[in-house]
Amino acid sequence: MRLFSRIKGPGIIIFKDRTVLTSLYLLKDKGVIDREKEIDAIADYIKRVLTGRCSKFLSIYGSSGLGKTAITRYALSKLLFEGIEQALPIYIDYIDRRTKHSILTELMCFFRAFY
């Protein structure tokens, strides 16, 4: 006997739109509300990393549900959007770079040469 067969039958949809459960949903229409100061701080930090004026590591901390992931993704999406006009092809050897952190570090080092 299936445990959940009585709860979810064929054709029953629990979620109309699963994206409302993600942090990206906040960014869809209005962006992040009342977090301009934090977004500017992240953007300023990224600029300083790219120019070699500070450490490559950024620690964002706080209680759950405050929007840390949302504002970080928003700031990075703005960086990506603004950088499209100045797009450069980049090759990263994924054999040597196996983690997200090592890939991001490689990208930061690459872009540092242009600032």
N, C-alpha and C. Protein backbone atom coordinates (compact mmCIF):
# COMPACT_ATOMS: atom_id res chain seq x y z
N MET A 1 0.84 -1.19 0.00
CA MET A 1 0.00 0.00 0.00
C MET A 1 0.88 1.25 0.00
N ARG A 2 0.56 2.14 -0.86
CA ARG A 2 1.30 3.40 -0.91
C ARG A 2 0.83 4.34 0.18
N LEU A 3 1.76 4.96 0.81
CA LEU A 3 1.44 5.82 1.95
C LEU A 3 0.70 7.09 1.53
N PHE A 4 1.12 7.70 0.42
CA PHE A 4 0.55 8.99 0.04
C PHE A 4 -0.45 8.90 -1.12
N SER A 5 -0.86 7.73 -1.50
CA SER A 5 -1.78 7.60 -2.63
C SER A 5 -3.13 8.25 -2.36
N ARG A 6 -3.55 8.28 -1.11
CA ARG A 6 -4.83 8.90 -0.78
C ARG A 6 -4.75 10.42 -0.76
N ILE A 7 -3.56 10.94 -0.51
CA ILE A 7 -3.41 12.39 -0.40
C ILE A 7 -3.32 13.05 -1.76
N LYS A 8 -2.49 12.50 -2.61
CA LYS A 8 -2.29 13.11 -3.93
C LYS A 8 -2.68 12.11 -5.00
N GLY A 9 -3.81 12.33 -5.59
CA GLY A 9 -4.26 11.46 -6.66
C GLY A 9 -3.84 12.02 -8.01
N PRO A 10 -4.19 11.33 -9.07
CA PRO A 10 -3.83 11.82 -10.40
C PRO A 10 -4.55 13.13 -10.72
N GLY A 11 -3.82 14.07 -11.26
CA GLY A 11 -4.41 15.34 -11.65
C GLY A 11 -4.47 16.38 -10.56
N ILE A 12 -4.11 16.03 -9.34
CA ILE A 12 -4.14 17.00 -8.25
C ILE A 12 -2.81 17.73 -8.21
N ILE A 13 -2.88 19.05 -8.22
CA ILE A 13 -1.67 19.86 -8.18
C ILE A 13 -1.60 20.55 -6.83
N ILE A 14 -0.51 20.33 -6.13
CA ILE A 14 -0.36 20.96 -4.82
C ILE A 14 0.09 22.41 -4.97
N PHE A 15 1.04 22.65 -5.86
CA PHE A 15 1.57 23.99 -6.07
C PHE A 15 1.19 24.49 -7.45
N LYS A 16 0.60 25.67 -7.53
CA LYS A 16 0.36 26.28 -8.83
C LYS A 16 1.67 26.75 -9.44
N ASP A 17 2.49 27.38 -8.61
CA ASP A 17 3.76 27.93 -9.07
C ASP A 17 4.82 27.70 -8.00
N ARG A 18 5.69 26.75 -8.22
CA ARG A 18 6.72 26.43 -7.23
C ARG A 18 7.75 27.54 -7.07
N THR A 19 7.85 28.43 -8.04
CA THR A 19 8.87 29.48 -7.95
C THR A 19 8.61 30.45 -6.80
N VAL A 20 7.38 30.51 -6.30
CA VAL A 20 7.12 31.41 -5.17
C VAL A 20 7.83 30.95 -3.91
N LEU A 21 8.33 29.73 -3.90
CA LEU A 21 9.05 29.20 -2.75
C LEU A 21 10.55 29.48 -2.83
N THR A 22 11.01 30.07 -3.90
CA THR A 22 12.44 30.34 -4.06
C THR A 22 12.76 31.79 -3.77
N SER A 23 14.03 32.03 -3.49
CA SER A 23 14.45 33.41 -3.23
C SER A 23 14.41 34.25 -4.50
N LEU A 24 14.46 33.62 -5.66
CA LEU A 24 14.43 34.37 -6.92
C LEU A 24 13.06 34.98 -7.19
N TYR A 25 12.02 34.45 -6.57
CA TYR A 25 10.68 34.98 -6.77
C TYR A 25 10.59 36.43 -6.32
N LEU A 26 11.28 36.76 -5.26
CA LEU A 26 11.28 38.14 -4.75
C LEU A 26 11.82 39.12 -5.78
N LEU A 27 12.72 38.65 -6.62
CA LEU A 27 13.39 39.53 -7.56
C LEU A 27 12.61 39.71 -8.86
N LYS A 28 11.59 38.90 -9.06
CA LYS A 28 10.91 38.85 -10.34
C LYS A 28 10.30 40.18 -10.76
N ASP A 29 9.54 40.82 -9.91
CA ASP A 29 8.82 42.02 -10.31
C ASP A 29 9.42 43.31 -9.76
N LYS A 30 9.64 43.36 -8.48
CA LYS A 30 10.01 44.63 -7.85
C LYS A 30 11.44 44.66 -7.34
N GLY A 31 12.16 43.57 -7.44
CA GLY A 31 13.49 43.54 -6.86
C GLY A 31 13.38 43.35 -5.36
N VAL A 32 14.44 43.63 -4.68
CA VAL A 32 14.46 43.48 -3.23
C VAL A 32 14.05 44.80 -2.60
N ILE A 33 13.11 44.75 -1.69
CA ILE A 33 12.56 45.97 -1.08
C ILE A 33 13.28 46.27 0.23
N ASP A 34 13.63 47.53 0.42
CA ASP A 34 14.25 48.02 1.66
C ASP A 34 15.57 47.34 2.00
N ARG A 35 16.34 46.98 1.00
CA ARG A 35 17.65 46.38 1.24
C ARG A 35 18.72 47.04 0.38
N GLU A 36 18.48 48.28 -0.02
CA GLU A 36 19.42 48.98 -0.89
C GLU A 36 20.79 49.12 -0.23
N LYS A 37 20.79 49.40 1.07
CA LYS A 37 22.05 49.58 1.80
C LYS A 37 22.88 48.29 1.76
N GLU A 38 22.24 47.16 1.98
CA GLU A 38 22.94 45.88 1.98
C GLU A 38 23.41 45.52 0.58
N ILE A 39 22.57 45.78 -0.43
CA ILE A 39 22.95 45.49 -1.81
C ILE A 39 24.13 46.35 -2.22
N ASP A 40 24.12 47.62 -1.85
CA ASP A 40 25.24 48.51 -2.15
C ASP A 40 26.51 48.03 -1.47
N ALA A 41 26.39 47.52 -0.24
CA ALA A 41 27.56 47.01 0.48
C ALA A 41 28.17 45.81 -0.23
N ILE A 42 27.32 44.91 -0.71
CA ILE A 42 27.81 43.74 -1.45
C ILE A 42 28.46 44.18 -2.75
N ALA A 43 27.82 45.09 -3.48
CA ALA A 43 28.38 45.58 -4.74
C ALA A 43 29.72 46.28 -4.51
N ASP A 44 29.80 47.08 -3.45
CA ASP A 44 31.05 47.77 -3.13
C ASP A 44 32.15 46.76 -2.81
N TYR A 45 31.80 45.72 -2.08
CA TYR A 45 32.78 44.69 -1.75
C TYR A 45 33.29 44.00 -3.00
N ILE A 46 32.38 43.66 -3.91
CA ILE A 46 32.79 43.00 -5.15
C ILE A 46 33.72 43.91 -5.96
N LYS A 47 33.42 45.20 -6.00
CA LYS A 47 34.30 46.15 -6.70
C LYS A 47 35.69 46.16 -6.08
N ARG A 48 35.75 46.15 -4.74
CA ARG A 48 37.05 46.16 -4.06
C ARG A 48 37.82 44.86 -4.31
N VAL A 49 37.12 43.74 -4.38
CA VAL A 49 37.79 42.47 -4.68
C VAL A 49 38.35 42.51 -6.09
N LEU A 50 37.57 43.01 -7.03
CA LEU A 50 38.02 43.06 -8.42
C LEU A 50 39.21 43.99 -8.62
N THR A 51 39.35 44.98 -7.79
CA THR A 51 40.49 45.89 -7.91
C THR A 51 41.63 45.49 -6.99
N GLY A 52 41.48 44.37 -6.28
CA GLY A 52 42.54 43.86 -5.44
C GLY A 52 42.74 44.61 -4.13
N ARG A 53 41.73 45.34 -3.69
CA ARG A 53 41.87 46.13 -2.47
C ARG A 53 41.39 45.43 -1.21
N CYS A 54 40.93 44.18 -1.32
CA CYS A 54 40.51 43.47 -0.11
C CYS A 54 40.54 41.97 -0.35
N SER A 55 40.25 41.23 0.70
CA SER A 55 40.24 39.78 0.67
C SER A 55 39.18 39.26 -0.31
N LYS A 56 39.36 38.05 -0.77
CA LYS A 56 38.41 37.44 -1.70
C LYS A 56 37.19 36.86 -1.00
N PHE A 57 37.18 36.83 0.32
CA PHE A 57 36.12 36.16 1.05
C PHE A 57 35.15 37.15 1.68
N LEU A 58 33.88 36.86 1.52
CA LEU A 58 32.83 37.69 2.09
C LEU A 58 31.92 36.79 2.91
N SER A 59 31.66 37.18 4.12
CA SER A 59 30.79 36.41 5.00
C SER A 59 29.52 37.22 5.25
N ILE A 60 28.39 36.64 4.88
CA ILE A 60 27.10 37.28 5.12
C ILE A 60 26.35 36.39 6.10
N TYR A 61 25.98 36.95 7.22
CA TYR A 61 25.35 36.14 8.25
C TYR A 61 24.14 36.86 8.84
N GLY A 62 23.30 36.09 9.48
CA GLY A 62 22.11 36.63 10.12
C GLY A 62 21.09 35.53 10.32
N SER A 63 20.01 35.86 10.95
CA SER A 63 18.95 34.88 11.21
C SER A 63 18.33 34.41 9.90
N SER A 64 17.74 33.24 9.94
CA SER A 64 17.11 32.71 8.73
C SER A 64 15.89 33.55 8.37
N GLY A 65 15.66 33.69 7.08
CA GLY A 65 14.50 34.42 6.60
C GLY A 65 14.69 35.91 6.42
N LEU A 66 15.89 36.41 6.64
CA LEU A 66 16.13 37.85 6.51
C LEU A 66 16.36 38.28 5.06
N GLY A 67 16.69 37.34 4.19
CA GLY A 67 16.90 37.68 2.78
C GLY A 67 18.35 37.71 2.35
N LYS A 68 19.22 37.03 3.07
CA LYS A 68 20.65 37.01 2.71
C LYS A 68 20.86 36.45 1.31
N THR A 69 20.25 35.33 1.02
CA THR A 69 20.39 34.70 -0.29
C THR A 69 19.77 35.58 -1.37
N ALA A 70 18.62 36.13 -1.10
CA ALA A 70 17.92 36.96 -2.09
C ALA A 70 18.73 38.19 -2.47
N ILE A 71 19.27 38.92 -1.48
CA ILE A 71 20.01 40.14 -1.83
C ILE A 71 21.34 39.81 -2.48
N THR A 72 21.95 38.69 -2.11
CA THR A 72 23.20 38.29 -2.75
C THR A 72 22.95 37.95 -4.21
N ARG A 73 21.92 37.17 -4.47
CA ARG A 73 21.58 36.82 -5.86
C ARG A 73 21.20 38.07 -6.65
N TYR A 74 20.48 38.97 -6.02
CA TYR A 74 20.08 40.20 -6.69
C TYR A 74 21.30 41.03 -7.07
N ALA A 75 22.22 41.21 -6.12
CA ALA A 75 23.43 42.00 -6.39
C ALA A 75 24.26 41.35 -7.50
N LEU A 76 24.40 40.04 -7.46
CA LEU A 76 25.19 39.36 -8.49
C LEU A 76 24.49 39.38 -9.84
N SER A 77 23.15 39.32 -9.84
CA SER A 77 22.43 39.40 -11.12
C SER A 77 22.58 40.79 -11.74
N LYS A 78 22.59 41.83 -10.89
CA LYS A 78 22.82 43.19 -11.40
C LYS A 78 24.23 43.32 -11.97
N LEU A 79 25.21 42.72 -11.29
CA LEU A 79 26.58 42.73 -11.77
C LEU A 79 26.66 42.04 -13.13
N LEU A 80 26.00 40.91 -13.26
CA LEU A 80 25.99 40.18 -14.53
C LEU A 80 25.30 40.99 -15.61
N PHE A 81 24.14 41.58 -15.29
CA PHE A 81 23.39 42.37 -16.28
C PHE A 81 24.20 43.57 -16.75
N GLU A 82 24.83 44.29 -15.81
CA GLU A 82 25.61 45.46 -16.18
C GLU A 82 26.88 45.07 -16.93
N GLY A 83 27.37 43.86 -16.69
CA GLY A 83 28.60 43.42 -17.34
C GLY A 83 28.38 42.85 -18.73
N ILE A 84 27.13 42.65 -19.14
CA ILE A 84 26.86 42.08 -20.46
C ILE A 84 27.40 42.97 -21.57
N GLU A 85 27.34 44.28 -21.36
CA GLU A 85 27.85 45.20 -22.38
C GLU A 85 29.35 45.05 -22.58
N GLN A 86 30.04 44.59 -21.56
CA GLN A 86 31.48 44.44 -21.62
C GLN A 86 31.87 42.96 -21.60
N ALA A 87 31.07 42.11 -22.19
CA ALA A 87 31.28 40.66 -22.10
C ALA A 87 32.59 40.23 -22.73
N LEU A 88 33.24 39.29 -22.06
CA LEU A 88 34.49 38.71 -22.53
C LEU A 88 34.38 37.20 -22.48
N PRO A 89 34.94 36.51 -23.47
CA PRO A 89 34.94 35.05 -23.38
C PRO A 89 35.95 34.59 -22.32
N ILE A 90 35.56 33.63 -21.51
CA ILE A 90 36.42 33.14 -20.44
C ILE A 90 36.47 31.62 -20.52
N TYR A 91 37.67 31.08 -20.41
CA TYR A 91 37.83 29.63 -20.34
C TYR A 91 38.29 29.26 -18.94
N ILE A 92 37.55 28.39 -18.29
CA ILE A 92 37.95 27.90 -16.97
C ILE A 92 38.05 26.39 -17.06
N ASP A 93 39.21 25.88 -16.72
CA ASP A 93 39.44 24.44 -16.76
C ASP A 93 38.71 23.79 -15.58
N TYR A 94 37.62 23.13 -15.87
CA TYR A 94 36.81 22.56 -14.79
C TYR A 94 37.48 21.35 -14.13
N ILE A 95 38.51 20.80 -14.76
CA ILE A 95 39.24 19.69 -14.14
C ILE A 95 39.95 20.18 -12.87
N ASP A 96 40.54 21.37 -12.97
CA ASP A 96 41.24 21.94 -11.82
C ASP A 96 40.31 22.68 -10.87
N ARG A 97 39.18 23.11 -11.36
CA ARG A 97 38.24 23.90 -10.56
C ARG A 97 36.96 23.09 -10.37
N ARG A 98 36.88 22.40 -9.27
CA ARG A 98 35.76 21.47 -9.07
C ARG A 98 34.67 22.00 -8.15
N THR A 99 34.93 23.10 -7.46
CA THR A 99 33.91 23.62 -6.54
C THR A 99 33.45 24.99 -7.02
N LYS A 100 32.29 25.40 -6.57
CA LYS A 100 31.78 26.73 -6.92
C LYS A 100 32.73 27.81 -6.44
N HIS A 101 33.30 27.60 -5.26
CA HIS A 101 34.22 28.59 -4.69
C HIS A 101 35.46 28.75 -5.57
N SER A 102 36.04 27.63 -6.03
CA SER A 102 37.25 27.73 -6.85
C SER A 102 36.95 28.37 -8.20
N ILE A 103 35.77 28.12 -8.75
CA ILE A 103 35.39 28.75 -10.02
C ILE A 103 35.20 30.25 -9.82
N LEU A 104 34.52 30.63 -8.74
CA LEU A 104 34.32 32.05 -8.46
C LEU A 104 35.65 32.76 -8.22
N THR A 105 36.56 32.10 -7.51
CA THR A 105 37.89 32.68 -7.28
C THR A 105 38.61 32.89 -8.60
N GLU A 106 38.53 31.92 -9.49
CA GLU A 106 39.16 32.04 -10.81
C GLU A 106 38.56 33.21 -11.59
N LEU A 107 37.24 33.35 -11.54
CA LEU A 107 36.59 34.47 -12.23
C LEU A 107 37.02 35.81 -11.65
N MET A 108 37.09 35.89 -10.33
CA MET A 108 37.51 37.15 -9.69
C MET A 108 38.94 37.50 -10.10
N CYS A 109 39.82 36.52 -10.14
CA CYS A 109 41.21 36.78 -10.56
C CYS A 109 41.25 37.22 -12.02
N PHE A 110 40.42 36.61 -12.85
CA PHE A 110 40.39 36.98 -14.26
C PHE A 110 39.95 38.43 -14.43
N PHE A 111 38.87 38.81 -13.75
CA PHE A 111 38.34 40.16 -13.90
C PHE A 111 39.19 41.22 -13.23
N ARG A 112 39.98 40.82 -12.25
CA ARG A 112 40.85 41.78 -11.57
C ARG A 112 41.80 42.44 -12.57
N ALA A 113 42.19 41.73 -13.60
CA ALA A 113 43.12 42.27 -14.60
C ALA A 113 42.50 43.43 -15.39
N PHE A 114 41.19 43.55 -15.38
CA PHE A 114 40.52 44.58 -16.17
C PHE A 114 40.12 45.80 -15.35
N TYR A 115 40.38 45.80 -14.06
CA TYR A 115 39.98 46.92 -13.21
C TYR A 115 41.17 47.59 -12.58
